[in-house]
Protein backbone atom coordinates (compact mmCIF):
# COMPACT_ATOMS: atom_id res chain seq x y z
CA MET A 1 -72.10 52.78 -107.79
CA LYS A 2 -68.11 52.72 -109.01
CA GLY A 3 -68.33 48.91 -110.06
CA LYS A 4 -71.47 47.89 -110.01
CA LYS A 5 -72.09 46.51 -113.85
CA ARG A 6 -68.36 44.32 -112.92
CA HIS A 7 -69.87 43.10 -109.58
CA GLU A 8 -73.31 42.06 -111.84
CA PHE A 9 -71.54 40.53 -114.48
CA PHE A 10 -69.49 38.18 -112.27
CA TYR A 11 -72.26 37.84 -110.17
CA ARG A 12 -74.60 36.59 -113.09
CA PHE A 13 -72.01 34.37 -114.66
CA LEU A 14 -70.95 32.75 -111.61
CA TRP A 15 -74.56 32.06 -110.68
CA THR A 16 -75.19 30.48 -114.18
CA ILE A 17 -72.34 28.24 -114.39
CA LEU A 18 -71.82 27.00 -111.16
CA ARG A 19 -75.71 26.83 -109.55
CA ARG A 20 -76.08 23.54 -110.66
CA PHE A 21 -72.76 21.94 -109.68
CA ILE A 22 -73.18 23.47 -106.03
CA ALA A 23 -76.88 22.22 -105.44
CA ARG A 24 -75.33 18.72 -106.52
CA LYS A 25 -72.46 19.21 -103.84
CA PHE A 26 -74.69 19.67 -101.18
CA ASN A 27 -77.66 18.44 -102.02
CA PHE A 28 -79.41 21.67 -101.89
CA GLU A 29 -83.22 22.24 -102.55
CA HIS A 30 -83.95 26.00 -102.58
CA ASP A 31 -86.73 28.36 -103.77
CA SER A 32 -85.98 30.74 -106.65
CA ILE A 33 -87.25 34.07 -105.24
CA ASP A 34 -87.48 37.01 -107.71
CA VAL A 35 -88.72 40.14 -105.38
CA LYS A 36 -90.45 42.88 -107.43
CA GLN A 37 -89.85 45.83 -105.31
CA SER A 38 -85.95 46.98 -105.04
CA PRO A 39 -83.27 47.64 -103.62
CA TYR A 40 -84.69 44.96 -100.90
CA ILE A 41 -82.39 43.98 -97.84
CA VAL A 42 -82.61 39.88 -97.54
CA ILE A 43 -82.01 38.25 -93.99
CA ALA A 44 -80.84 35.04 -93.53
CA ASN A 45 -79.74 32.60 -90.28
CA HIS A 46 -76.35 31.81 -90.23
CA VAL A 47 -75.02 28.24 -90.01
CA THR A 48 -71.83 27.65 -92.36
CA ASN A 49 -69.26 29.67 -94.30
CA TRP A 50 -71.00 28.45 -97.50
CA ASP A 51 -74.27 30.16 -96.80
CA PRO A 52 -73.55 32.92 -99.20
CA VAL A 53 -72.83 30.40 -101.97
CA LEU A 54 -76.03 28.92 -101.09
CA ILE A 55 -78.29 31.97 -100.38
CA GLY A 56 -77.07 33.55 -104.14
CA LEU A 57 -78.45 30.14 -105.58
CA SER A 58 -81.76 31.57 -104.93
CA PHE A 59 -81.65 35.12 -105.92
CA LYS A 60 -80.30 35.71 -109.61
CA ARG A 61 -80.42 39.62 -108.94
CA MET A 62 -76.89 40.73 -107.32
CA MET A 63 -76.64 40.96 -103.58
CA TYR A 64 -73.89 42.31 -101.79
CA TYR A 65 -72.70 40.74 -98.61
CA VAL A 66 -72.07 42.10 -95.24
CA ALA A 67 -69.58 39.89 -94.48
CA THR A 68 -66.84 39.58 -91.46
CA ASP A 69 -63.79 41.16 -90.97
CA GLN A 70 -61.66 38.11 -91.80
CA VAL A 71 -62.65 38.22 -95.09
CA PHE A 72 -60.61 41.16 -96.24
CA ARG A 73 -56.96 39.70 -94.93
CA MET A 74 -56.31 36.92 -96.68
CA GLY A 75 -54.28 38.29 -99.36
CA TRP A 76 -55.11 37.96 -102.75
CA LYS A 77 -58.02 35.92 -102.55
CA SER A 78 -59.65 39.03 -100.50
CA LYS A 79 -58.46 41.53 -103.30
CA LEU A 80 -60.21 39.07 -105.64
CA LEU A 81 -62.90 39.14 -103.76
CA VAL A 82 -63.42 42.96 -103.61
CA TYR A 83 -62.42 43.25 -106.96
CA LEU A 84 -65.56 40.28 -107.83
CA PHE A 85 -68.13 41.55 -105.66
CA SER A 86 -66.91 44.19 -103.33
CA PRO A 87 -68.60 42.81 -100.01
CA ILE A 88 -69.37 45.37 -97.23
CA ALA A 89 -66.92 44.75 -93.90
CA ARG A 90 -68.02 44.26 -90.55
CA ALA A 91 -66.03 43.31 -87.44
CA LYS A 92 -67.19 40.53 -85.16
CA THR A 93 -66.76 41.92 -82.02
CA MET A 94 -67.91 46.00 -82.82
CA GLN A 95 -70.94 47.76 -84.00
CA GLU A 96 -69.57 49.74 -86.75
CA THR A 97 -70.70 52.85 -88.04
CA GLN A 98 -69.11 52.59 -91.03
CA THR A 99 -70.62 49.50 -91.73
CA VAL A 100 -74.22 50.92 -91.31
CA ILE A 101 -73.53 53.83 -93.92
CA THR A 102 -71.96 51.65 -96.83
CA ILE A 103 -75.47 49.81 -96.65
CA PHE A 104 -77.18 53.07 -96.76
CA ARG A 105 -75.15 54.20 -99.84
CA ARG A 106 -75.60 50.67 -101.81
CA LEU A 107 -79.04 51.23 -100.84
CA LYS A 108 -79.11 54.21 -102.37
CA SER A 109 -77.69 53.06 -105.25
CA LYS A 110 -79.90 50.68 -105.98
CA CYS A 111 -78.19 47.58 -104.71
CA ASN A 112 -79.73 44.60 -102.75
CA ILE A 113 -78.33 43.91 -99.49
CA CYS A 114 -77.75 40.30 -97.64
CA ILE A 115 -76.97 40.42 -94.13
CA PHE A 116 -76.65 37.47 -92.07
CA ALA A 117 -78.03 38.64 -88.97
CA GLU A 118 -77.17 36.35 -86.19
CA GLY A 119 -73.27 37.58 -86.88
CA SER A 120 -71.92 34.24 -86.13
CA THR A 121 -72.80 30.42 -86.84
CA THR A 122 -74.02 28.17 -84.28
CA PHE A 123 -71.44 25.73 -82.22
CA ASP A 124 -74.38 23.55 -81.39
CA GLY A 125 -77.02 23.58 -83.72
CA GLU A 126 -79.48 25.97 -81.92
CA ALA A 127 -80.20 29.73 -83.70
CA CYS A 128 -77.81 32.24 -82.24
CA GLU A 129 -79.48 35.63 -81.10
CA ILE A 130 -79.44 38.51 -83.87
CA GLN A 131 -77.41 41.57 -83.77
CA PRO A 132 -80.10 44.24 -81.73
CA SER A 133 -79.55 47.09 -84.23
CA ILE A 134 -80.72 44.67 -86.95
CA GLY A 135 -84.36 46.63 -86.52
CA LYS A 136 -83.18 49.70 -86.59
CA LEU A 137 -81.39 49.74 -89.48
CA VAL A 138 -83.69 47.69 -91.11
CA LYS A 139 -86.28 50.58 -90.31
CA ARG A 140 -84.33 53.34 -91.50
CA ALA A 141 -83.50 51.88 -94.51
CA GLY A 142 -86.97 51.75 -95.20
CA VAL A 143 -86.79 48.81 -98.18
CA THR A 144 -88.27 46.01 -98.76
CA LEU A 145 -87.40 43.16 -96.21
CA VAL A 146 -87.12 39.31 -97.46
CA THR A 147 -86.51 36.75 -94.59
CA TYR A 148 -84.70 33.57 -95.60
CA ARG A 149 -84.25 30.31 -93.64
CA PHE A 150 -81.56 27.35 -94.30
CA THR A 151 -82.15 24.03 -92.39
CA GLY A 152 -79.80 20.73 -92.88
CA SER A 153 -76.52 23.29 -92.58
CA TYR A 154 -75.54 22.22 -89.33
CA PHE A 155 -75.14 18.70 -90.02
CA THR A 156 -73.84 19.12 -93.12
CA PHE A 157 -71.02 20.88 -92.06
CA PRO A 158 -70.78 21.90 -88.37
CA ARG A 159 -68.41 24.84 -87.36
CA TRP A 160 -66.34 22.16 -85.37
CA ALA A 161 -65.80 20.04 -88.36
CA ARG A 162 -62.86 19.09 -90.93
CA TYR A 163 -64.86 17.85 -93.72
CA ILE A 164 -68.49 18.71 -94.98
CA ARG A 165 -70.87 15.63 -95.09
CA LYS A 166 -73.46 14.94 -97.58
CA GLY A 167 -77.08 14.69 -96.31
CA LYS A 168 -79.48 17.70 -97.41
CA ILE A 169 -80.15 21.20 -97.27
CA GLU A 170 -83.28 23.11 -97.90
CA GLY A 171 -82.91 27.23 -98.45
CA ARG A 172 -86.54 28.58 -98.29
CA LEU A 173 -88.27 32.02 -98.26
CA VAL A 174 -90.32 32.60 -95.59
CA GLN A 175 -91.56 36.19 -95.56
CA ILE A 176 -91.62 39.42 -98.10
CA TYR A 177 -92.48 42.53 -96.10
CA ASN A 178 -93.09 45.80 -98.16
CA PRO A 179 -91.86 49.33 -97.51
CA GLU A 180 -95.24 50.26 -96.22
CA LYS A 181 -95.27 47.02 -93.88
CA ILE A 182 -91.68 48.19 -92.36
CA THR A 183 -93.20 51.63 -92.25
CA SER A 184 -95.49 50.83 -89.84
CA MET A 185 -93.80 48.88 -87.62
CA SER A 186 -91.44 49.28 -84.05
CA GLU A 187 -87.54 48.38 -84.47
CA ASP A 188 -88.76 46.07 -81.83
CA GLU A 189 -91.31 44.48 -83.54
CA ILE A 190 -89.18 44.40 -86.93
CA ASN A 191 -86.18 42.32 -84.94
CA ASN A 192 -88.86 40.14 -83.20
CA VAL A 193 -90.16 39.07 -86.94
CA ILE A 194 -86.92 38.85 -88.11
CA LYS A 195 -85.98 36.46 -85.43
CA ASN A 196 -89.08 34.28 -85.39
CA ASP A 197 -88.53 33.65 -89.11
CA ILE A 198 -85.15 32.82 -89.29
CA LYS A 199 -84.98 30.71 -86.27
CA THR A 200 -84.20 26.54 -86.51
CA SER A 201 -82.83 24.04 -83.84
CA ALA A 202 -80.95 21.52 -86.25
CA TYR A 203 -82.06 18.50 -83.70
CA GLU A 204 -85.39 19.66 -83.89
CA GLU A 205 -85.58 19.41 -87.64
CA GLN A 206 -83.70 16.03 -87.25
CA GLU A 207 -86.63 14.71 -85.01
CA LYS A 208 -89.37 16.12 -87.13
CA ASN A 209 -87.55 14.38 -90.42
CA PRO A 210 -84.36 12.77 -90.06
CA VAL A 211 -81.63 12.71 -92.22
CA ALA A 212 -78.28 10.83 -92.35
CA PHE A 213 -75.45 12.81 -92.77
CA ARG A 214 -72.60 10.68 -94.31
CA GLY A 215 -69.32 11.86 -94.96
CA ASN A 216 -65.50 11.08 -93.45
CA LYS A 217 -64.75 11.02 -90.10
CA PRO A 218 -67.70 12.66 -88.65
CA ALA A 219 -66.39 13.13 -85.03
CA GLU A 220 -62.88 14.62 -85.74
CA TYR A 221 -62.65 17.95 -83.78
CA LEU A 222 -65.61 17.48 -81.83
CA GLU A 223 -63.75 18.48 -78.81
CA THR A 224 -63.29 21.79 -80.24
CA VAL A 225 -66.96 22.48 -78.85
CA LEU A 226 -67.09 19.35 -75.75
CA TYR A 227 -64.86 20.55 -73.98
CA CYS A 228 -65.71 18.84 -70.33
CA CYS A 229 -65.91 14.99 -70.10
CA PRO A 230 -68.88 14.03 -68.32
CA LYS A 231 -67.55 10.83 -67.20
CA CYS A 232 -64.35 12.76 -64.90
CA LYS A 233 -65.08 16.38 -65.44
CA LYS A 234 -61.97 17.32 -66.59
CA PHE A 235 -61.42 20.31 -69.07
CA SER A 236 -59.89 19.23 -72.17
CA THR A 237 -58.86 15.77 -72.12
CA LEU A 238 -61.54 14.79 -75.03
CA THR A 239 -59.79 13.25 -78.23
CA SER A 240 -61.54 12.50 -81.45
CA SER A 241 -60.60 9.72 -84.05
CA ASP A 242 -63.05 9.16 -87.23
CA ASP A 243 -66.66 8.58 -85.51
CA ILE A 244 -65.11 8.34 -82.32
CA LEU A 245 -64.98 10.45 -78.95
CA SER A 246 -63.17 9.51 -76.00
CA CYS A 247 -60.97 10.60 -72.67
CA ALA A 248 -58.41 9.17 -70.91
CA CYS A 249 -60.89 8.33 -67.85
CA GLY A 250 -62.40 5.49 -69.98
CA PHE A 251 -65.26 7.70 -71.33
CA THR A 252 -66.06 6.72 -74.78
CA VAL A 253 -69.14 7.65 -77.41
CA ARG A 254 -69.74 7.20 -81.03
CA TYR A 255 -71.21 9.99 -83.22
CA ASN A 256 -73.46 8.68 -85.44
CA GLU A 257 -74.60 9.84 -88.99
CA TYR A 258 -77.71 11.18 -87.92
CA GLY A 259 -75.85 13.90 -85.02
CA TYR A 260 -76.56 11.60 -82.21
CA PHE A 261 -74.35 10.10 -79.42
CA GLU A 262 -74.73 6.41 -79.12
CA PRO A 263 -72.20 3.44 -77.44
CA ALA A 264 -69.19 3.13 -79.08
CA ILE A 265 -69.24 -0.20 -81.21
CA GLY A 266 -67.39 -2.81 -79.48
CA VAL A 267 -67.59 -1.34 -76.01
CA ASP A 268 -69.73 -2.70 -73.41
CA ALA A 269 -70.89 0.89 -72.54
CA PRO A 270 -74.40 2.19 -70.95
CA GLN A 271 -76.00 4.59 -73.04
CA PRO A 272 -74.48 8.21 -73.21
CA PRO A 273 -75.39 10.79 -70.70
CA PHE A 274 -76.15 13.06 -73.68
CA LYS A 275 -78.00 12.18 -76.51
CA THR A 276 -76.92 15.75 -78.65
CA ILE A 277 -74.23 17.93 -78.98
CA THR A 278 -77.04 20.71 -77.91
CA GLU A 279 -77.39 18.95 -74.34
CA TRP A 280 -73.83 18.27 -74.21
CA ILE A 281 -72.45 22.08 -74.66
CA LYS A 282 -75.82 23.52 -72.16
CA TRP A 283 -74.29 21.00 -69.59
CA GLU A 284 -71.14 21.94 -69.66
CA ARG A 285 -71.86 25.48 -69.82
CA MET A 286 -73.31 24.98 -66.47
CA GLU A 287 -69.84 23.28 -65.00
CA ILE A 288 -68.66 26.35 -66.05
CA GLU A 289 -70.95 28.06 -63.91
CA THR A 290 -70.37 25.94 -61.30
CA LEU A 291 -66.27 26.70 -61.66
CA VAL A 292 -66.89 30.59 -61.84
CA LYS A 293 -68.47 30.63 -58.54
CA THR A 294 -65.41 28.67 -56.81
CA LEU A 295 -63.01 31.57 -58.41
CA ALA A 296 -63.15 34.02 -55.81
CA ASN A 297 -61.62 32.44 -53.32
CA SER A 298 -58.93 30.95 -55.74
CA ASP A 299 -55.21 31.74 -56.42
CA ALA A 300 -55.86 35.06 -58.96
CA ASP A 301 -52.12 33.89 -60.60
CA THR A 302 -53.48 30.20 -61.17
CA PRO A 303 -54.69 29.99 -64.81
CA ILE A 304 -58.07 28.35 -65.31
CA PHE A 305 -57.42 27.44 -68.92
CA THR A 306 -54.03 26.84 -70.52
CA ASP A 307 -53.12 26.41 -73.82
CA GLU A 308 -49.20 26.29 -75.60
CA ASN A 309 -48.09 27.21 -79.34
CA GLN A 310 -50.61 30.51 -79.65
CA GLN A 311 -50.25 33.36 -81.64
CA LEU A 312 -51.52 36.78 -80.51
CA TYR A 313 -52.19 39.22 -83.55
CA GLU A 314 -53.47 42.83 -83.40
CA ILE A 315 -55.99 43.93 -86.36
CA GLU A 316 -56.26 46.56 -88.54
CA ARG A 317 -59.39 46.49 -89.91
CA ALA A 318 -60.21 45.06 -92.70
CA SER A 319 -56.75 45.54 -94.01
CA SER A 320 -53.63 43.09 -92.19
CA SER A 321 -52.95 40.82 -89.42
CA ASN A 322 -49.84 41.40 -87.43
CA LEU A 323 -48.11 39.36 -85.14
CA ILE A 324 -47.62 40.76 -81.87
CA ALA A 325 -46.57 37.46 -79.97
CA SER A 326 -46.27 33.80 -79.90
CA GLY A 327 -46.27 31.62 -76.92
CA ARG A 328 -48.71 30.29 -74.35
CA LEU A 329 -52.07 31.55 -73.44
CA ASP A 330 -53.81 31.70 -70.14
CA LEU A 331 -57.36 32.54 -69.32
CA PHE A 332 -56.97 33.89 -65.22
CA LYS A 333 -60.26 34.91 -63.42
CA ASP A 334 -59.05 38.40 -63.59
CA ARG A 335 -57.27 38.89 -67.52
CA LEU A 336 -56.08 36.90 -70.38
CA SER A 337 -52.46 36.90 -71.02
CA VAL A 338 -49.99 35.58 -73.84
CA THR A 339 -46.55 34.65 -72.38
CA THR A 340 -43.51 34.65 -74.47
CA GLN A 341 -40.20 33.63 -74.11
CA GLU A 342 -39.51 37.43 -73.54
CA LYS A 343 -42.47 39.21 -71.80
CA THR A 344 -46.04 38.65 -70.98
CA ILE A 345 -48.84 40.75 -72.36
CA ASP A 346 -52.20 40.74 -70.12
CA PHE A 347 -55.48 42.04 -70.95
CA PRO A 348 -57.63 42.48 -67.99
CA LEU A 349 -61.14 41.05 -68.16
CA ASN A 350 -62.80 44.09 -67.15
CA GLY A 351 -60.99 45.97 -70.13
CA ILE A 352 -62.14 43.61 -72.86
CA ILE A 353 -65.36 44.57 -74.20
CA ASP A 354 -66.40 41.66 -76.04
CA MET A 355 -65.10 38.22 -77.40
CA SER A 356 -66.02 36.33 -80.34
CA GLY A 357 -64.93 33.09 -82.49
CA PHE A 358 -64.16 32.63 -86.08
CA ALA A 359 -64.09 29.33 -87.79
CA MET A 360 -63.26 26.38 -85.60
CA LEU A 361 -60.17 27.95 -83.44
CA LYS A 362 -59.59 31.65 -83.86
CA ILE A 363 -60.59 33.75 -80.92
CA ILE A 364 -61.23 37.65 -81.05
CA PHE A 365 -61.79 40.10 -78.82
CA PHE A 366 -62.19 44.02 -78.68
CA THR A 367 -60.70 46.16 -76.01
CA ASN A 368 -61.73 49.17 -74.45
CA GLU A 369 -58.66 51.07 -76.06
CA HIS A 370 -60.23 50.14 -79.51
CA LYS A 371 -57.86 47.95 -80.38
CA LEU A 372 -58.97 44.18 -81.95
CA TYR A 373 -56.79 41.10 -81.50
CA GLU A 374 -57.30 37.86 -82.56
CA ILE A 375 -55.67 34.39 -80.64
CA HIS A 376 -54.57 31.40 -83.30
CA SER A 377 -53.68 27.91 -82.55
CA LYS A 378 -51.22 25.89 -83.86
CA HIS A 379 -52.81 22.67 -82.49
CA ILE A 380 -56.16 21.58 -81.99
CA ARG A 381 -58.08 23.06 -78.67
CA SER A 382 -61.08 24.79 -77.76
CA ALA A 383 -62.16 28.61 -78.66
CA LEU A 384 -65.38 27.65 -77.19
CA LYS A 385 -64.22 26.88 -73.44
CA TYR A 386 -62.29 30.61 -73.48
CA LEU A 387 -65.93 32.19 -74.64
CA ASP A 388 -68.02 30.33 -72.66
CA MET A 389 -65.61 31.12 -69.44
CA TYR A 390 -65.36 34.46 -70.14
CA LYS A 391 -69.20 35.43 -70.26
CA ALA A 392 -69.27 33.50 -67.19
CA ILE A 393 -66.86 35.38 -65.44
CA LYS A 394 -68.32 38.99 -67.10
CA ARG A 395 -71.95 37.65 -65.49
CA GLY A 396 -70.14 37.84 -62.19
């Protein structure tokens, strides 16, 4: 493979000089893994954007990472990453044949591959669904499969957070399946073992072994995932400051260093209705489902959610982001719209094949016209409320 020696040199060089620093920064305890049969595919759970760096500390041998399409649209940073490590592009909302072809080509060149099978980092600390095609890919590859699991990552750097918190992360080898074992398994069996091997629950781990995660402004930007107030049941009314999340209706809670909610200090209030972020998100998704049931009798031109100062980009795969509109974002019961001073661009919901999120604020969707779009925000707002409502409407 062209550039392989260069990639291996920089991988080993950075592994040697940075591994102790990275391990200390995140208080990261990890296994050192030497897989005898190469090439191999490593599959891990996906919790933070630091996962590729952290998992690399466990494997001294070079791995090529399957990376989200956004990694290739960061200008000079992307060019540097491609030159040094040549990651494999995958769009979040698309099952891409080109990605699979590239993986097989690398494996044929005796390259090891790392895949984060969930495809997206978790909002609530619970495991995300793995990509359904992963079992087929592993089966067809016919190489050694290595499963690896992170714990503690969610509370160290939640998807909604601005700052890293110091606690403890562990990265552990779960299982090594040799090619003969993979050959004897069906695609569904492979999917099941991967799902079971990498599955985690942040709060279940905390209950078993409580760890304090300390850092600056621990509750800041929680409103990007907790978008419904449990007291007044209004959407987009919660705001955060330091370790406090509050609503204009008077509802206030404190987010503590163990990741749980408690009454705000100095506030004479009962125990919060939810102890964990997981419980809160589960509840607000039920509120979304309740709201969807009322939409049949609602005005089609009354928006469900609205946010100002949004930017709509059309994406060229692993290449560029082209700004096509800036203005107000509206989600209606039948369409997603971006309205500027000059025009309104509508996307019928029945023409959107898939919608997902990236990082804290970005919304990504793929249309039946085979076009990929992103929506960015100039202010803090919840992307999750749009994703949850879209999925609820599509479920009917």
